Amino acid sequence: MKVRFDFIVHWLWTIVFSILTISGLAMVGPRYGWIMNYDIASADFAHRVLAAVFVVLTFIAVGYEIIRVIKSDDKYLAWQVIGRSGYQLFTFITTLIFIITGAIIWVCMDTNMAATSFALYLHEKLTYIVLASLIWHIYMKCHALLWPKKPEKKSKALNESR
């Protein structure tokens, strides 16, 4: 059984993002603190460590796509590094915003409160947007939830026989 590299990275990224979401929501405040038993210190530690893993996985995924494009002779394949449209482009943009705002929060936490506040606001609101988009993404990819389509040929043959 041969497993594709991008499949492995996708699911590693999914697991890391899920734990980042859980630890991040636990730090938002008392509304979601119950997720990690109100242990904000552990949530903060897990969030920082997994944020570094998330950044590394992002660079690995982008590097893999760039190498794949370089090896291919198709000039239109270059758009697939970030995606011309759709969920791949949305994921790329939101990932960059998460990384940038997370770095601002991490670096400016003790020095520039205005930048930290703005980055925290963007980081939190983007989390809710991405969670909603993930629900949509899972729904669209889950074939069990899709209504089965009737084949057109059989329905036409039935109508003609009547």
N, C-alpha and C. Protein backbone atom coordinates (compact mmCIF):
# COMPACT_ATOMS: atom_id res chain seq x y z
N MET A 1 0.84 -1.18 0.00
CA MET A 1 0.00 0.00 0.00
C MET A 1 0.89 1.24 0.00
N LYS A 2 0.70 2.08 -0.99
CA LYS A 2 1.51 3.28 -1.11
C LYS A 2 0.67 4.49 -0.67
N VAL A 3 1.16 5.21 0.31
CA VAL A 3 0.47 6.39 0.81
C VAL A 3 1.19 7.62 0.29
N ARG A 4 0.43 8.54 -0.26
CA ARG A 4 1.03 9.75 -0.81
C ARG A 4 1.49 10.68 0.29
N PHE A 5 2.58 11.39 0.02
CA PHE A 5 3.16 12.31 1.00
C PHE A 5 2.19 13.43 1.36
N ASP A 6 1.49 13.97 0.36
CA ASP A 6 0.56 15.07 0.65
C ASP A 6 -0.61 14.60 1.50
N PHE A 7 -1.00 13.33 1.39
CA PHE A 7 -2.04 12.77 2.24
C PHE A 7 -1.59 12.74 3.71
N ILE A 8 -0.35 12.34 3.94
CA ILE A 8 0.19 12.30 5.30
C ILE A 8 0.29 13.70 5.88
N VAL A 9 0.79 14.64 5.09
CA VAL A 9 0.92 16.02 5.57
C VAL A 9 -0.46 16.61 5.86
N HIS A 10 -1.44 16.31 5.02
CA HIS A 10 -2.79 16.82 5.23
C HIS A 10 -3.33 16.38 6.58
N TRP A 11 -3.18 15.09 6.90
CA TRP A 11 -3.73 14.59 8.16
C TRP A 11 -2.90 14.98 9.36
N LEU A 12 -1.59 15.12 9.21
CA LEU A 12 -0.78 15.69 10.30
C LEU A 12 -1.19 17.12 10.59
N TRP A 13 -1.38 17.89 9.52
CA TRP A 13 -1.81 19.28 9.65
C TRP A 13 -3.19 19.34 10.31
N THR A 14 -4.06 18.42 9.96
CA THR A 14 -5.39 18.37 10.54
C THR A 14 -5.33 18.11 12.04
N ILE A 15 -4.51 17.16 12.44
CA ILE A 15 -4.38 16.84 13.87
C ILE A 15 -3.78 18.02 14.63
N VAL A 16 -2.71 18.61 14.08
CA VAL A 16 -2.08 19.75 14.75
C VAL A 16 -3.05 20.92 14.84
N PHE A 17 -3.78 21.20 13.76
CA PHE A 17 -4.73 22.31 13.79
C PHE A 17 -5.85 22.05 14.79
N SER A 18 -6.29 20.81 14.91
CA SER A 18 -7.34 20.49 15.87
C SER A 18 -6.88 20.75 17.30
N ILE A 19 -5.67 20.32 17.62
CA ILE A 19 -5.16 20.55 18.97
C ILE A 19 -4.89 22.04 19.19
N LEU A 20 -4.42 22.73 18.16
CA LEU A 20 -4.25 24.18 18.27
C LEU A 20 -5.58 24.87 18.55
N THR A 21 -6.63 24.42 17.88
CA THR A 21 -7.95 25.00 18.10
C THR A 21 -8.43 24.75 19.52
N ILE A 22 -8.27 23.53 20.00
CA ILE A 22 -8.71 23.21 21.36
C ILE A 22 -7.94 24.03 22.39
N SER A 23 -6.62 24.10 22.25
CA SER A 23 -5.82 24.85 23.22
C SER A 23 -6.06 26.34 23.08
N GLY A 24 -6.26 26.83 21.87
CA GLY A 24 -6.54 28.25 21.67
C GLY A 24 -7.88 28.66 22.24
N LEU A 25 -8.90 27.84 22.01
CA LEU A 25 -10.21 28.15 22.58
C LEU A 25 -10.19 28.09 24.09
N ALA A 26 -9.38 27.20 24.66
CA ALA A 26 -9.28 27.12 26.12
C ALA A 26 -8.67 28.39 26.70
N MET A 27 -7.85 29.08 25.91
CA MET A 27 -7.23 30.32 26.39
C MET A 27 -8.11 31.56 26.19
N VAL A 28 -9.17 31.44 25.41
CA VAL A 28 -10.03 32.60 25.13
C VAL A 28 -10.67 33.13 26.40
N GLY A 29 -11.08 32.25 27.28
CA GLY A 29 -11.67 32.71 28.52
C GLY A 29 -12.55 31.65 29.14
N PRO A 30 -13.35 32.06 30.10
CA PRO A 30 -14.15 31.09 30.84
C PRO A 30 -15.18 30.36 29.98
N ARG A 31 -15.56 30.94 28.85
CA ARG A 31 -16.56 30.29 28.00
C ARG A 31 -16.06 28.94 27.48
N TYR A 32 -14.79 28.88 27.11
CA TYR A 32 -14.23 27.65 26.56
C TYR A 32 -13.14 27.04 27.45
N GLY A 33 -12.91 27.59 28.62
CA GLY A 33 -11.86 27.09 29.50
C GLY A 33 -12.06 25.67 29.95
N TRP A 34 -13.30 25.23 30.00
CA TRP A 34 -13.61 23.86 30.42
C TRP A 34 -12.98 22.82 29.52
N ILE A 35 -12.63 23.20 28.28
CA ILE A 35 -12.07 22.25 27.32
C ILE A 35 -10.79 21.61 27.88
N MET A 36 -9.98 22.41 28.54
CA MET A 36 -8.74 21.89 29.13
C MET A 36 -8.75 22.05 30.65
N ASN A 37 -9.93 21.92 31.25
CA ASN A 37 -10.10 21.95 32.69
C ASN A 37 -9.55 23.25 33.31
N TYR A 38 -9.69 24.34 32.59
CA TYR A 38 -9.28 25.68 33.03
C TYR A 38 -7.79 25.76 33.36
N ASP A 39 -6.99 24.91 32.74
CA ASP A 39 -5.54 24.93 32.92
C ASP A 39 -4.94 25.76 31.78
N ILE A 40 -4.93 27.07 31.98
CA ILE A 40 -4.50 27.99 30.93
C ILE A 40 -3.00 27.84 30.63
N ALA A 41 -2.21 27.54 31.66
CA ALA A 41 -0.77 27.39 31.46
C ALA A 41 -0.45 26.22 30.53
N SER A 42 -1.13 25.11 30.72
CA SER A 42 -0.92 23.95 29.84
C SER A 42 -1.43 24.24 28.43
N ALA A 43 -2.55 24.93 28.34
CA ALA A 43 -3.10 25.29 27.03
C ALA A 43 -2.13 26.22 26.30
N ASP A 44 -1.55 27.17 27.02
CA ASP A 44 -0.60 28.10 26.41
C ASP A 44 0.64 27.37 25.93
N PHE A 45 1.17 26.46 26.75
CA PHE A 45 2.35 25.69 26.38
C PHE A 45 2.07 24.82 25.15
N ALA A 46 0.96 24.09 25.17
CA ALA A 46 0.61 23.24 24.03
C ALA A 46 0.41 24.07 22.77
N HIS A 47 -0.21 25.23 22.91
CA HIS A 47 -0.47 26.09 21.77
C HIS A 47 0.84 26.60 21.16
N ARG A 48 1.77 27.01 21.99
CA ARG A 48 3.04 27.53 21.47
C ARG A 48 3.87 26.43 20.80
N VAL A 49 3.93 25.26 21.41
CA VAL A 49 4.72 24.16 20.83
C VAL A 49 4.09 23.71 19.50
N LEU A 50 2.78 23.52 19.50
CA LEU A 50 2.13 23.05 18.27
C LEU A 50 2.06 24.13 17.20
N ALA A 51 2.12 25.40 17.61
CA ALA A 51 2.18 26.47 16.60
C ALA A 51 3.49 26.37 15.82
N ALA A 52 4.57 26.04 16.51
CA ALA A 52 5.85 25.85 15.82
C ALA A 52 5.78 24.66 14.87
N VAL A 53 5.14 23.58 15.30
CA VAL A 53 4.95 22.41 14.44
C VAL A 53 4.09 22.78 13.23
N PHE A 54 3.05 23.58 13.46
CA PHE A 54 2.16 24.03 12.38
C PHE A 54 2.93 24.83 11.33
N VAL A 55 3.82 25.72 11.78
CA VAL A 55 4.62 26.50 10.85
C VAL A 55 5.55 25.59 10.05
N VAL A 56 6.19 24.64 10.71
CA VAL A 56 7.09 23.72 10.02
C VAL A 56 6.30 22.89 8.98
N LEU A 57 5.14 22.39 9.37
CA LEU A 57 4.31 21.63 8.41
C LEU A 57 3.89 22.50 7.23
N THR A 58 3.61 23.76 7.49
CA THR A 58 3.25 24.67 6.40
C THR A 58 4.40 24.83 5.42
N PHE A 59 5.60 25.04 5.94
CA PHE A 59 6.76 25.17 5.06
C PHE A 59 7.05 23.87 4.31
N ILE A 60 6.85 22.74 4.96
CA ILE A 60 7.03 21.44 4.29
C ILE A 60 6.02 21.29 3.15
N ALA A 61 4.76 21.64 3.41
CA ALA A 61 3.72 21.50 2.38
C ALA A 61 3.98 22.43 1.20
N VAL A 62 4.34 23.68 1.48
CA VAL A 62 4.62 24.62 0.39
C VAL A 62 5.88 24.20 -0.36
N GLY A 63 6.91 23.76 0.35
CA GLY A 63 8.13 23.28 -0.31
C GLY A 63 7.86 22.07 -1.18
N TYR A 64 7.04 21.14 -0.71
CA TYR A 64 6.67 19.97 -1.50
C TYR A 64 5.95 20.38 -2.78
N GLU A 65 5.03 21.33 -2.67
CA GLU A 65 4.31 21.79 -3.86
C GLU A 65 5.25 22.49 -4.84
N ILE A 66 6.18 23.27 -4.33
CA ILE A 66 7.14 23.96 -5.21
C ILE A 66 8.02 22.94 -5.94
N ILE A 67 8.51 21.94 -5.22
CA ILE A 67 9.34 20.90 -5.85
C ILE A 67 8.53 20.13 -6.90
N ARG A 68 7.27 19.86 -6.58
CA ARG A 68 6.41 19.15 -7.54
C ARG A 68 6.20 19.98 -8.80
N VAL A 69 6.06 21.29 -8.65
CA VAL A 69 5.87 22.17 -9.80
C VAL A 69 7.15 22.26 -10.62
N ILE A 70 8.29 22.33 -9.96
CA ILE A 70 9.57 22.42 -10.67
C ILE A 70 9.82 21.15 -11.49
N LYS A 71 9.47 20.00 -10.94
CA LYS A 71 9.68 18.74 -11.66
C LYS A 71 8.74 18.58 -12.84
N SER A 72 7.61 19.27 -12.83
CA SER A 72 6.62 19.16 -13.90
C SER A 72 6.91 20.19 -14.98
N ASP A 73 6.54 19.86 -16.20
CA ASP A 73 6.72 20.79 -17.32
C ASP A 73 5.47 21.64 -17.57
N ASP A 74 4.43 21.40 -16.83
CA ASP A 74 3.17 22.11 -17.04
C ASP A 74 3.26 23.51 -16.43
N LYS A 75 3.15 24.53 -17.25
CA LYS A 75 3.29 25.90 -16.75
C LYS A 75 2.08 26.33 -15.92
N TYR A 76 0.93 25.69 -16.10
CA TYR A 76 -0.25 26.05 -15.32
C TYR A 76 -0.26 25.38 -13.94
N LEU A 77 0.64 24.42 -13.75
CA LEU A 77 0.71 23.72 -12.48
C LEU A 77 1.22 24.63 -11.35
N ALA A 78 1.91 25.71 -11.73
CA ALA A 78 2.45 26.62 -10.72
C ALA A 78 1.36 27.21 -9.84
N TRP A 79 0.16 27.37 -10.37
CA TRP A 79 -0.94 27.91 -9.57
C TRP A 79 -1.34 26.96 -8.45
N GLN A 80 -1.04 25.69 -8.58
CA GLN A 80 -1.46 24.73 -7.57
C GLN A 80 -0.66 24.83 -6.27
N VAL A 81 0.42 25.60 -6.27
CA VAL A 81 1.18 25.78 -5.04
C VAL A 81 0.31 26.45 -3.99
N ILE A 82 -0.41 27.50 -4.39
CA ILE A 82 -1.31 28.16 -3.44
C ILE A 82 -2.76 27.99 -3.82
N GLY A 83 -3.03 27.50 -4.99
CA GLY A 83 -4.41 27.31 -5.43
C GLY A 83 -4.92 28.55 -6.14
N ARG A 84 -5.44 28.35 -7.32
CA ARG A 84 -5.98 29.46 -8.09
C ARG A 84 -7.27 29.96 -7.47
N SER A 85 -8.05 29.06 -6.92
CA SER A 85 -9.31 29.44 -6.27
C SER A 85 -9.73 28.30 -5.37
N GLY A 86 -10.80 28.52 -4.65
CA GLY A 86 -11.36 27.45 -3.84
C GLY A 86 -10.76 27.35 -2.46
N TYR A 87 -10.93 26.19 -1.87
CA TYR A 87 -10.54 25.99 -0.48
C TYR A 87 -9.03 26.00 -0.29
N GLN A 88 -8.28 25.60 -1.30
CA GLN A 88 -6.82 25.59 -1.19
C GLN A 88 -6.28 27.01 -1.04
N LEU A 89 -6.81 27.95 -1.82
CA LEU A 89 -6.39 29.34 -1.70
C LEU A 89 -6.83 29.93 -0.36
N PHE A 90 -8.04 29.62 0.07
CA PHE A 90 -8.54 30.09 1.37
C PHE A 90 -7.64 29.57 2.49
N THR A 91 -7.26 28.30 2.43
CA THR A 91 -6.40 27.71 3.45
C THR A 91 -5.04 28.38 3.46
N PHE A 92 -4.49 28.64 2.30
CA PHE A 92 -3.17 29.28 2.21
C PHE A 92 -3.21 30.67 2.82
N ILE A 93 -4.21 31.47 2.47
CA ILE A 93 -4.31 32.84 2.99
C ILE A 93 -4.54 32.85 4.50
N THR A 94 -5.46 32.02 4.97
CA THR A 94 -5.73 32.00 6.41
C THR A 94 -4.53 31.46 7.19
N THR A 95 -3.81 30.52 6.62
CA THR A 95 -2.61 30.01 7.29
C THR A 95 -1.57 31.10 7.43
N LEU A 96 -1.37 31.87 6.38
CA LEU A 96 -0.41 32.98 6.46
C LEU A 96 -0.85 34.01 7.50
N ILE A 97 -2.14 34.31 7.55
CA ILE A 97 -2.63 35.27 8.54
C ILE A 97 -2.45 34.71 9.95
N PHE A 98 -2.74 33.43 10.14
CA PHE A 98 -2.52 32.80 11.45
C PHE A 98 -1.05 32.88 11.86
N ILE A 99 -0.15 32.59 10.94
CA ILE A 99 1.28 32.61 11.26
C ILE A 99 1.74 34.03 11.58
N ILE A 100 1.32 34.99 10.78
CA ILE A 100 1.75 36.38 11.01
C ILE A 100 1.19 36.92 12.32
N THR A 101 -0.12 36.74 12.55
CA THR A 101 -0.70 37.26 13.79
C THR A 101 -0.15 36.51 15.00
N GLY A 102 0.07 35.22 14.87
CA GLY A 102 0.65 34.46 15.97
C GLY A 102 2.06 34.93 16.31
N ALA A 103 2.85 35.23 15.29
CA ALA A 103 4.20 35.75 15.52
C ALA A 103 4.15 37.12 16.19
N ILE A 104 3.22 37.96 15.76
CA ILE A 104 3.06 39.28 16.38
C ILE A 104 2.68 39.13 17.86
N ILE A 105 1.73 38.23 18.13
CA ILE A 105 1.32 38.00 19.52
C ILE A 105 2.50 37.52 20.35
N TRP A 106 3.27 36.58 19.82
CA TRP A 106 4.37 35.98 20.55
C TRP A 106 5.49 37.00 20.81
N VAL A 107 5.82 37.80 19.79
CA VAL A 107 6.95 38.73 19.91
C VAL A 107 6.57 39.99 20.67
N CYS A 108 5.39 40.53 20.42
CA CYS A 108 5.01 41.84 20.96
C CYS A 108 4.21 41.78 22.25
N MET A 109 4.08 40.60 22.84
CA MET A 109 3.22 40.45 24.02
C MET A 109 3.61 41.40 25.15
N ASP A 110 4.88 41.63 25.38
CA ASP A 110 5.31 42.46 26.50
C ASP A 110 5.68 43.89 26.11
N THR A 111 5.73 44.19 24.82
CA THR A 111 6.22 45.50 24.41
C THR A 111 5.16 46.38 23.76
N ASN A 112 4.46 45.87 22.78
CA ASN A 112 3.53 46.69 22.01
C ASN A 112 2.11 46.15 22.20
N MET A 113 1.38 46.72 23.13
CA MET A 113 0.05 46.20 23.45
C MET A 113 -0.96 46.48 22.33
N ALA A 114 -0.78 47.56 21.57
CA ALA A 114 -1.71 47.85 20.48
C ALA A 114 -1.60 46.79 19.38
N ALA A 115 -0.38 46.46 19.01
CA ALA A 115 -0.18 45.42 17.99
C ALA A 115 -0.65 44.07 18.50
N THR A 116 -0.38 43.79 19.76
CA THR A 116 -0.81 42.52 20.34
C THR A 116 -2.32 42.41 20.37
N SER A 117 -2.98 43.48 20.77
CA SER A 117 -4.45 43.47 20.84
C SER A 117 -5.07 43.26 19.47
N PHE A 118 -4.55 43.96 18.47
CA PHE A 118 -5.08 43.83 17.11
C PHE A 118 -4.83 42.41 16.57
N ALA A 119 -3.62 41.89 16.82
CA ALA A 119 -3.30 40.54 16.36
C ALA A 119 -4.15 39.50 17.07
N LEU A 120 -4.39 39.66 18.37
CA LEU A 120 -5.25 38.74 19.11
C LEU A 120 -6.68 38.77 18.57
N TYR A 121 -7.16 39.98 18.26
CA TYR A 121 -8.51 40.12 17.71
C TYR A 121 -8.63 39.38 16.37
N LEU A 122 -7.67 39.63 15.46
CA LEU A 122 -7.68 38.95 14.16
C LEU A 122 -7.55 37.44 14.30
N HIS A 123 -6.65 37.02 15.17
CA HIS A 123 -6.39 35.60 15.39
C HIS A 123 -7.66 34.89 15.88
N GLU A 124 -8.35 35.49 16.82
CA GLU A 124 -9.55 34.87 17.37
C GLU A 124 -10.70 34.85 16.35
N LYS A 125 -10.95 35.97 15.71
CA LYS A 125 -12.06 36.02 14.74
C LYS A 125 -11.79 35.11 13.55
N LEU A 126 -10.54 35.04 13.12
CA LEU A 126 -10.19 34.15 12.02
C LEU A 126 -10.39 32.69 12.42
N THR A 127 -10.17 32.39 13.68
CA THR A 127 -10.41 31.03 14.17
C THR A 127 -11.86 30.63 13.96
N TYR A 128 -12.78 31.51 14.30
CA TYR A 128 -14.21 31.20 14.13
C TYR A 128 -14.58 31.04 12.66
N ILE A 129 -14.01 31.88 11.81
CA ILE A 129 -14.28 31.78 10.37
C ILE A 129 -13.74 30.46 9.82
N VAL A 130 -12.53 30.10 10.23
CA VAL A 130 -11.93 28.86 9.75
C VAL A 130 -12.68 27.64 10.28
N LEU A 131 -13.15 27.69 11.52
CA LEU A 131 -13.94 26.58 12.05
C LEU A 131 -15.21 26.38 11.24
N ALA A 132 -15.88 27.48 10.89
CA ALA A 132 -17.08 27.37 10.06
C ALA A 132 -16.72 26.80 8.68
N SER A 133 -15.60 27.23 8.12
CA SER A 133 -15.20 26.72 6.81
C SER A 133 -14.80 25.25 6.89
N LEU A 134 -14.23 24.83 8.01
CA LEU A 134 -13.87 23.42 8.17
C LEU A 134 -15.11 22.54 8.22
N ILE A 135 -16.14 23.02 8.87
CA ILE A 135 -17.40 22.27 8.88
C ILE A 135 -17.92 22.11 7.46
N TRP A 136 -17.86 23.19 6.67
CA TRP A 136 -18.27 23.12 5.27
C TRP A 136 -17.36 22.16 4.50
N HIS A 137 -16.06 22.23 4.72
CA HIS A 137 -15.10 21.38 4.02
C HIS A 137 -15.36 19.90 4.33
N ILE A 138 -15.58 19.58 5.58
CA ILE A 138 -15.86 18.21 5.97
C ILE A 138 -17.17 17.74 5.36
N TYR A 139 -18.17 18.60 5.37
CA TYR A 139 -19.46 18.25 4.78
C TYR A 139 -19.33 17.96 3.29
N MET A 140 -18.59 18.79 2.58
CA MET A 140 -18.44 18.61 1.13
C MET A 140 -17.60 17.37 0.79
N LYS A 141 -16.66 17.00 1.64
CA LYS A 141 -15.80 15.86 1.37
C LYS A 141 -16.37 14.54 1.88
N CYS A 142 -17.37 14.60 2.72
CA CYS A 142 -17.94 13.38 3.30
C CYS A 142 -19.01 12.85 2.36
N HIS A 143 -18.71 11.79 1.66
CA HIS A 143 -19.62 11.25 0.66
C HIS A 143 -20.87 10.65 1.28
N ALA A 144 -20.80 10.27 2.54
CA ALA A 144 -21.97 9.68 3.20
C ALA A 144 -23.07 10.72 3.40
N LEU A 145 -22.71 11.99 3.45
CA LEU A 145 -23.71 13.03 3.67
C LEU A 145 -24.32 13.56 2.38
N LEU A 146 -23.73 13.22 1.26
CA LEU A 146 -24.24 13.72 -0.01
C LEU A 146 -25.43 12.87 -0.46
N TRP A 147 -26.43 13.54 -0.96
CA TRP A 147 -27.62 12.85 -1.45
C TRP A 147 -27.26 12.11 -2.72
N PRO A 148 -27.61 10.83 -2.83
CA PRO A 148 -27.23 10.07 -4.03
C PRO A 148 -27.94 10.63 -5.28
N LYS A 149 -27.17 10.73 -6.35
CA LYS A 149 -27.73 11.23 -7.61
C LYS A 149 -28.26 10.06 -8.42
N LYS A 150 -29.40 10.30 -9.08
CA LYS A 150 -29.96 9.27 -9.96
C LYS A 150 -29.28 9.32 -11.30
N PRO A 151 -28.94 8.19 -11.84
CA PRO A 151 -28.33 8.19 -13.17
C PRO A 151 -29.34 8.67 -14.22
N GLU A 152 -28.87 9.51 -15.12
CA GLU A 152 -29.76 10.09 -16.13
C GLU A 152 -30.18 9.08 -17.18
N LYS A 153 -29.32 8.17 -17.54
CA LYS A 153 -29.64 7.22 -18.60
C LYS A 153 -30.81 6.32 -18.23
N LYS A 154 -30.84 5.85 -17.01
CA LYS A 154 -31.92 4.97 -16.60
C LYS A 154 -33.24 5.72 -16.54
N SER A 155 -33.22 6.95 -16.04
CA SER A 155 -34.47 7.70 -15.96
C SER A 155 -35.01 8.05 -17.35
N LYS A 156 -34.10 8.32 -18.31
CA LYS A 156 -34.55 8.59 -19.68
C LYS A 156 -35.12 7.33 -20.30
N ALA A 157 -34.50 6.20 -20.05
CA ALA A 157 -34.98 4.93 -20.62
C ALA A 157 -36.35 4.60 -20.03
N LEU A 158 -36.55 4.87 -18.76
CA LEU A 158 -37.85 4.61 -18.14
C LEU A 158 -38.93 5.52 -18.74
N ASN A 159 -38.60 6.78 -18.98
CA ASN A 159 -39.57 7.70 -19.55
C ASN A 159 -39.92 7.33 -20.99
N GLU A 160 -38.96 6.84 -21.74
CA GLU A 160 -39.21 6.47 -23.13
C GLU A 160 -40.06 5.19 -23.23
N SER A 161 -39.90 4.29 -22.27
CA SER A 161 -40.66 3.03 -22.33
C SER A 161 -42.13 3.23 -21.96
N ARG A 162 -42.46 4.33 -21.34
CA ARG A 162 -43.84 4.57 -20.93
C ARG A 162 -44.60 5.17 -22.02
